[in-house]
Amino acid sequence: MKNLKKLFVVAGLMFFGLTAMSAQQHITNFGVVNTEKINNHFYRDSAAVKTYEKKKADAQAEINKKTKELRDLKTKKDEYDSMGDKTQSDSIAAEIKQKTEYLRDYKATKDAELKNLKDSLSKSNDFYVKLSKTIKRVAENEGLSMVLSLQGDSGILWYSQNVDITDKVIKELEK
């Protein structure tokens, strides 16, 4: 009976140990890279990168401006609705619809333009090829399964500085 209890305890411990080891093998390790910081470190004076960044900032400024105009129009429409002025409300609604369609088209056009510009930069610039290979090498050395970009609307809401490999990538590129 005593031996049977020991056997169950040992079997249970082995089971939990194997389960823990198995769970560790399935954990995906992520890293993050701030490519803007890398670009600024190496190419802050590069005309091509400056052009891209300026176009990106200009497009975002225009989107922000048009979005604010739409919010203001929506507020104005709500005021006319609350006053019962259907004619003015309908007029503003038509303007909102028109400006919303314009903003949607503008954003799609600028996104495509920026994507093409970025793609041409990365294909024509040996640095970006080297950067990609360096990120891969650093990620593999760090045991990472995936590296995420911190740029734009990446969806990363929080991350630990432990997973940021940007400085390691910069050091590797400087070699």
C-alpha atoms as a PDB file:
ATOM      1  CA  MET A   1       0.000   0.000   0.000  1.00  0.00           C
ATOM      2  CA  LYS A   2       2.817   2.380   0.924  1.00  0.00           C
ATOM      3  CA  ASN A   3       4.646   1.532  -2.313  1.00  0.00           C
ATOM      4  CA  LEU A   4       1.471   2.114  -4.302  1.00  0.00           C
ATOM      5  CA  LYS A   5       1.129   5.638  -2.820  1.00  0.00           C
ATOM      6  CA  LYS A   6       4.767   6.373  -3.668  1.00  0.00           C
ATOM      7  CA  LEU A   7       4.199   5.100  -7.182  1.00  0.00           C
ATOM      8  CA  PHE A   8       1.168   7.406  -7.615  1.00  0.00           C
ATOM      9  CA  VAL A   9       3.087  10.395  -6.240  1.00  0.00           C
ATOM     10  CA  VAL A  10       6.077   9.720  -8.520  1.00  0.00           C
ATOM     11  CA  ALA A  11       3.787   9.158 -11.528  1.00  0.00           C
ATOM     12  CA  GLY A  12       1.912  12.373 -10.749  1.00  0.00           C
ATOM     13  CA  LEU A  13       5.121  14.370 -10.457  1.00  0.00           C
ATOM     14  CA  MET A  14       6.394  12.917 -13.726  1.00  0.00           C
ATOM     15  CA  PHE A  15       3.092  13.766 -15.406  1.00  0.00           C
ATOM     16  CA  PHE A  16       3.207  17.382 -14.206  1.00  0.00           C
ATOM     17  CA  GLY A  17       6.871  17.670 -15.136  1.00  0.00           C
ATOM     18  CA  LEU A  18       6.264  16.390 -18.657  1.00  0.00           C
ATOM     19  CA  THR A  19       3.244  18.656 -19.005  1.00  0.00           C
ATOM     20  CA  ALA A  20       5.300  21.676 -17.932  1.00  0.00           C
ATOM     21  CA  MET A  21       8.100  20.779 -20.355  1.00  0.00           C
ATOM     22  CA  SER A  22       5.594  20.300 -23.162  1.00  0.00           C
ATOM     23  CA  ALA A  23       3.938  23.646 -22.407  1.00  0.00           C
ATOM     24  CA  GLN A  24       7.304  25.403 -22.513  1.00  0.00           C
ATOM     25  CA  GLN A  25       8.003  24.012 -25.955  1.00  0.00           C
ATOM     26  CA  HIS A  26       4.797  25.511 -27.335  1.00  0.00           C
ATOM     27  CA  ILE A  27       5.350  29.057 -26.091  1.00  0.00           C
ATOM     28  CA  THR A  28       5.943  31.485 -28.915  1.00  0.00           C
ATOM     29  CA  ASN A  29       8.575  34.091 -28.171  1.00  0.00           C
ATOM     30  CA  PHE A  30       8.021  37.503 -29.697  1.00  0.00           C
ATOM     31  CA  GLY A  31      10.352  40.391 -30.282  1.00  0.00           C
ATOM     32  CA  VAL A  32       9.745  43.913 -31.481  1.00  0.00           C
ATOM     33  CA  VAL A  33      11.822  46.186 -33.695  1.00  0.00           C
ATOM     34  CA  ASN A  34      11.526  49.918 -34.147  1.00  0.00           C
ATOM     35  CA  THR A  35      12.613  50.279 -37.784  1.00  0.00           C
ATOM     36  CA  GLU A  36      12.062  54.036 -37.628  1.00  0.00           C
ATOM     37  CA  LYS A  37      14.719  54.242 -34.902  1.00  0.00           C
ATOM     38  CA  ILE A  38      17.056  52.126 -37.045  1.00  0.00           C
ATOM     39  CA  ASN A  39      16.422  54.308 -40.099  1.00  0.00           C
ATOM     40  CA  ASN A  40      17.048  57.432 -38.067  1.00  0.00           C
ATOM     41  CA  HIS A  41      20.270  55.961 -36.719  1.00  0.00           C
ATOM     42  CA  PHE A  42      21.658  55.082 -40.144  1.00  0.00           C
ATOM     43  CA  TYR A  43      19.779  57.182 -42.677  1.00  0.00           C
ATOM     44  CA  ARG A  44      18.501  60.278 -40.957  1.00  0.00           C
ATOM     45  CA  ASP A  45      19.940  62.288 -43.845  1.00  0.00           C
ATOM     46  CA  SER A  46      18.864  59.952 -46.644  1.00  0.00           C
ATOM     47  CA  ALA A  47      16.801  61.866 -49.210  1.00  0.00           C
ATOM     48  CA  ALA A  48      14.694  58.823 -50.110  1.00  0.00           C
ATOM     49  CA  VAL A  49      13.783  58.110 -46.495  1.00  0.00           C
ATOM     50  CA  LYS A  50      13.089  61.794 -45.826  1.00  0.00           C
ATOM     51  CA  THR A  51      10.794  61.949 -48.853  1.00  0.00           C
ATOM     52  CA  TYR A  52       8.900  58.877 -47.686  1.00  0.00           C
ATOM     53  CA  GLU A  53       8.568  60.168 -44.119  1.00  0.00           C
ATOM     54  CA  LYS A  54       7.423  63.609 -45.339  1.00  0.00           C
ATOM     55  CA  LYS A  55       4.780  62.118 -47.638  1.00  0.00           C
ATOM     56  CA  LYS A  56       3.614  59.874 -44.820  1.00  0.00           C
ATOM     57  CA  ALA A  57       3.371  62.806 -42.372  1.00  0.00           C
ATOM     58  CA  ASP A  58       1.626  65.023 -44.954  1.00  0.00           C
ATOM     59  CA  ALA A  59      -0.941  62.326 -45.711  1.00  0.00           C
ATOM     60  CA  GLN A  60      -1.618  61.767 -42.016  1.00  0.00           C
ATOM     61  CA  ALA A  61      -1.993  65.508 -41.428  1.00  0.00           C
ATOM     62  CA  GLU A  62      -4.556  65.730 -44.240  1.00  0.00           C
ATOM     63  CA  ILE A  63      -6.433  62.700 -42.884  1.00  0.00           C
ATOM     64  CA  ASN A  64      -6.481  64.246 -39.411  1.00  0.00           C
ATOM     65  CA  LYS A  65      -7.743  67.561 -40.840  1.00  0.00           C
ATOM     66  CA  LYS A  66     -10.533  65.901 -42.843  1.00  0.00           C
ATOM     67  CA  THR A  67     -11.517  63.709 -39.893  1.00  0.00           C
ATOM     68  CA  LYS A  68     -11.851  66.793 -37.691  1.00  0.00           C
ATOM     69  CA  GLU A  69     -13.991  68.479 -40.378  1.00  0.00           C
ATOM     70  CA  LEU A  70     -16.256  65.421 -40.413  1.00  0.00           C
ATOM     71  CA  ARG A  71     -16.569  65.461 -36.617  1.00  0.00           C
ATOM     72  CA  ASP A  72     -17.455  69.174 -36.713  1.00  0.00           C
ATOM     73  CA  LEU A  73     -20.065  68.567 -39.414  1.00  0.00           C
ATOM     74  CA  LYS A  74     -21.556  65.703 -37.401  1.00  0.00           C
ATOM     75  CA  THR A  75     -21.835  68.012 -34.376  1.00  0.00           C
ATOM     76  CA  LYS A  76     -23.479  70.671 -36.555  1.00  0.00           C
ATOM     77  CA  LYS A  77     -25.916  68.091 -37.962  1.00  0.00           C
ATOM     78  CA  ASP A  78     -26.819  66.930 -34.447  1.00  0.00           C
ATOM     79  CA  GLU A  79     -27.540  70.553 -33.499  1.00  0.00           C
ATOM     80  CA  TYR A  80     -29.859  70.986 -36.505  1.00  0.00           C
ATOM     81  CA  ASP A  81     -31.522  67.661 -35.645  1.00  0.00           C
ATOM     82  CA  SER A  82     -32.122  68.771 -32.065  1.00  0.00           C
ATOM     83  CA  MET A  83     -33.611  72.073 -33.330  1.00  0.00           C
ATOM     84  CA  GLY A  84     -35.836  70.173 -35.758  1.00  0.00           C
ATOM     85  CA  ASP A  85     -34.339  71.847 -38.848  1.00  0.00           C
ATOM     86  CA  LYS A  86     -34.608  68.910 -41.263  1.00  0.00           C
ATOM     87  CA  THR A  87     -33.555  70.920 -44.335  1.00  0.00           C
ATOM     88  CA  GLN A  88     -30.245  72.010 -42.832  1.00  0.00           C
ATOM     89  CA  SER A  89     -29.724  68.564 -41.275  1.00  0.00           C
ATOM     90  CA  ASP A  90     -30.236  66.848 -44.644  1.00  0.00           C
ATOM     91  CA  SER A  91     -27.889  69.327 -46.338  1.00  0.00           C
ATOM     92  CA  ILE A  92     -25.172  68.615 -43.753  1.00  0.00           C
ATOM     93  CA  ALA A  93     -25.800  64.839 -44.034  1.00  0.00           C
ATOM     94  CA  ALA A  94     -25.164  65.029 -47.790  1.00  0.00           C
ATOM     95  CA  GLU A  95     -21.966  66.984 -47.177  1.00  0.00           C
ATOM     96  CA  ILE A  96     -20.857  64.418 -44.564  1.00  0.00           C
ATOM     97  CA  LYS A  97     -21.483  61.597 -47.012  1.00  0.00           C
ATOM     98  CA  GLN A  98     -19.507  63.343 -49.763  1.00  0.00           C
ATOM     99  CA  LYS A  99     -16.572  64.169 -47.472  1.00  0.00           C
ATOM    100  CA  THR A 100     -16.544  60.661 -45.998  1.00  0.00           C
ATOM    101  CA  GLU A 101     -16.280  59.151 -49.487  1.00  0.00           C
ATOM    102  CA  TYR A 102     -13.510  61.610 -50.364  1.00  0.00           C
ATOM    103  CA  LEU A 103     -11.609  60.746 -47.177  1.00  0.00           C
ATOM    104  CA  ARG A 104     -11.972  57.013 -47.815  1.00  0.00           C
ATOM    105  CA  ASP A 105     -10.673  57.405 -51.387  1.00  0.00           C
ATOM    106  CA  TYR A 106      -7.877  59.753 -50.298  1.00  0.00           C
ATOM    107  CA  LYS A 107      -6.726  57.346 -47.587  1.00  0.00           C
ATOM    108  CA  ALA A 108      -6.789  54.353 -49.946  1.00  0.00           C
ATOM    109  CA  THR A 109      -4.833  56.287 -52.584  1.00  0.00           C
ATOM    110  CA  LYS A 110      -2.229  57.557 -50.112  1.00  0.00           C
ATOM    111  CA  ASP A 111      -1.870  54.139 -48.470  1.00  0.00           C
ATOM    112  CA  ALA A 112      -1.202  52.570 -51.888  1.00  0.00           C
ATOM    113  CA  GLU A 113       1.204  55.367 -52.816  1.00  0.00           C
ATOM    114  CA  LEU A 114       3.117  55.041 -49.542  1.00  0.00           C
ATOM    115  CA  LYS A 115       3.195  51.258 -49.811  1.00  0.00           C
ATOM    116  CA  ASN A 116       4.630  51.488 -53.327  1.00  0.00           C
ATOM    117  CA  LEU A 117       7.199  54.040 -52.202  1.00  0.00           C
ATOM    118  CA  LYS A 118       8.187  51.920 -49.207  1.00  0.00           C
ATOM    119  CA  ASP A 119       8.361  48.776 -51.351  1.00  0.00           C
ATOM    120  CA  SER A 120      10.577  50.536 -53.895  1.00  0.00           C
ATOM    121  CA  LEU A 121      12.802  51.778 -51.071  1.00  0.00           C
ATOM    122  CA  SER A 122      13.155  48.326 -49.599  1.00  0.00           C
ATOM    123  CA  LYS A 123      13.748  46.630 -52.964  1.00  0.00           C
ATOM    124  CA  SER A 124      16.153  49.192 -54.337  1.00  0.00           C
ATOM    125  CA  ASN A 125      18.030  49.834 -51.151  1.00  0.00           C
ATOM    126  CA  ASP A 126      20.603  47.244 -50.131  1.00  0.00           C
ATOM    127  CA  PHE A 127      20.310  48.504 -46.574  1.00  0.00           C
ATOM    128  CA  TYR A 128      16.772  47.141 -46.230  1.00  0.00           C
ATOM    129  CA  VAL A 129      17.848  43.745 -47.514  1.00  0.00           C
ATOM    130  CA  LYS A 130      20.694  43.781 -44.986  1.00  0.00           C
ATOM    131  CA  LEU A 131      18.293  44.965 -42.272  1.00  0.00           C
ATOM    132  CA  SER A 132      15.896  42.110 -42.960  1.00  0.00           C
ATOM    133  CA  LYS A 133      18.701  39.541 -42.790  1.00  0.00           C
ATOM    134  CA  THR A 134      20.066  41.123 -39.607  1.00  0.00           C
ATOM    135  CA  ILE A 135      16.667  41.088 -37.904  1.00  0.00           C
ATOM    136  CA  LYS A 136      16.340  37.410 -38.824  1.00  0.00           C
ATOM    137  CA  ARG A 137      19.808  36.601 -37.448  1.00  0.00           C
ATOM    138  CA  VAL A 138      19.265  38.510 -34.177  1.00  0.00           C
ATOM    139  CA  ALA A 139      15.820  36.950 -33.751  1.00  0.00           C
ATOM    140  CA  GLU A 140      17.190  33.455 -34.234  1.00  0.00           C
ATOM    141  CA  ASN A 141      20.071  34.149 -31.804  1.00  0.00           C
ATOM    142  CA  GLU A 142      17.523  35.387 -29.242  1.00  0.00           C
ATOM    143  CA  GLY A 143      15.309  32.320 -29.759  1.00  0.00           C
ATOM    144  CA  LEU A 144      12.411  34.366 -31.096  1.00  0.00           C
ATOM    145  CA  SER A 145       9.636  32.878 -33.203  1.00  0.00           C
ATOM    146  CA  MET A 146       8.303  36.189 -34.477  1.00  0.00           C
ATOM    147  CA  VAL A 147       9.372  39.835 -34.674  1.00  0.00           C
ATOM    148  CA  LEU A 148       6.750  42.568 -34.824  1.00  0.00           C
ATOM    149  CA  SER A 149       7.202  46.106 -36.078  1.00  0.00           C
ATOM    150  CA  LEU A 150       6.456  49.030 -33.769  1.00  0.00           C
ATOM    151  CA  GLN A 151       5.556  51.303 -36.703  1.00  0.00           C
ATOM    152  CA  GLY A 152       2.185  52.685 -37.648  1.00  0.00           C
ATOM    153  CA  ASP A 153      -0.986  51.049 -36.447  1.00  0.00           C
ATOM    154  CA  SER A 154       0.723  47.833 -35.497  1.00  0.00           C
ATOM    155  CA  GLY A 155      -1.834  46.992 -32.866  1.00  0.00           C
ATOM    156  CA  ILE A 156       0.813  46.586 -30.176  1.00  0.00           C
ATOM    157  CA  LEU A 157      -0.673  48.196 -27.104  1.00  0.00           C
ATOM    158  CA  TRP A 158       2.077  47.276 -24.660  1.00  0.00           C
ATOM    159  CA  TYR A 159       5.341  45.384 -24.685  1.00  0.00           C
ATOM    160  CA  SER A 160       8.158  44.723 -22.278  1.00  0.00           C
ATOM    161  CA  GLN A 161      11.498  46.338 -23.120  1.00  0.00           C
ATOM    162  CA  ASN A 162      12.975  42.822 -22.797  1.00  0.00           C
ATOM    163  CA  VAL A 163      11.489  41.927 -26.198  1.00  0.00           C
ATOM    164  CA  ASP A 164      12.744  45.056 -28.015  1.00  0.00           C
ATOM    165  CA  ILE A 165      15.701  43.928 -30.133  1.00  0.00           C
ATOM    166  CA  THR A 166      16.148  47.269 -31.934  1.00  0.00           C
ATOM    167  CA  ASP A 167      19.437  48.159 -30.241  1.00  0.00           C
ATOM    168  CA  LYS A 168      20.817  44.652 -30.863  1.00  0.00           C
ATOM    169  CA  VAL A 169      19.931  44.979 -34.556  1.00  0.00           C
ATOM    170  CA  ILE A 170      21.656  48.393 -34.710  1.00  0.00           C
ATOM    171  CA  LYS A 171      24.806  46.921 -33.108  1.00  0.00           C
ATOM    172  CA  GLU A 172      24.801  44.040 -35.601  1.00  0.00           C
ATOM    173  CA  LEU A 173      24.378  46.427 -38.524  1.00  0.00           C
ATOM    174  CA  GLU A 174      27.274  48.547 -37.296  1.00  0.00           C
ATOM    175  CA  LYS A 175      29.664  45.582 -37.472  1.00  0.00           C
END
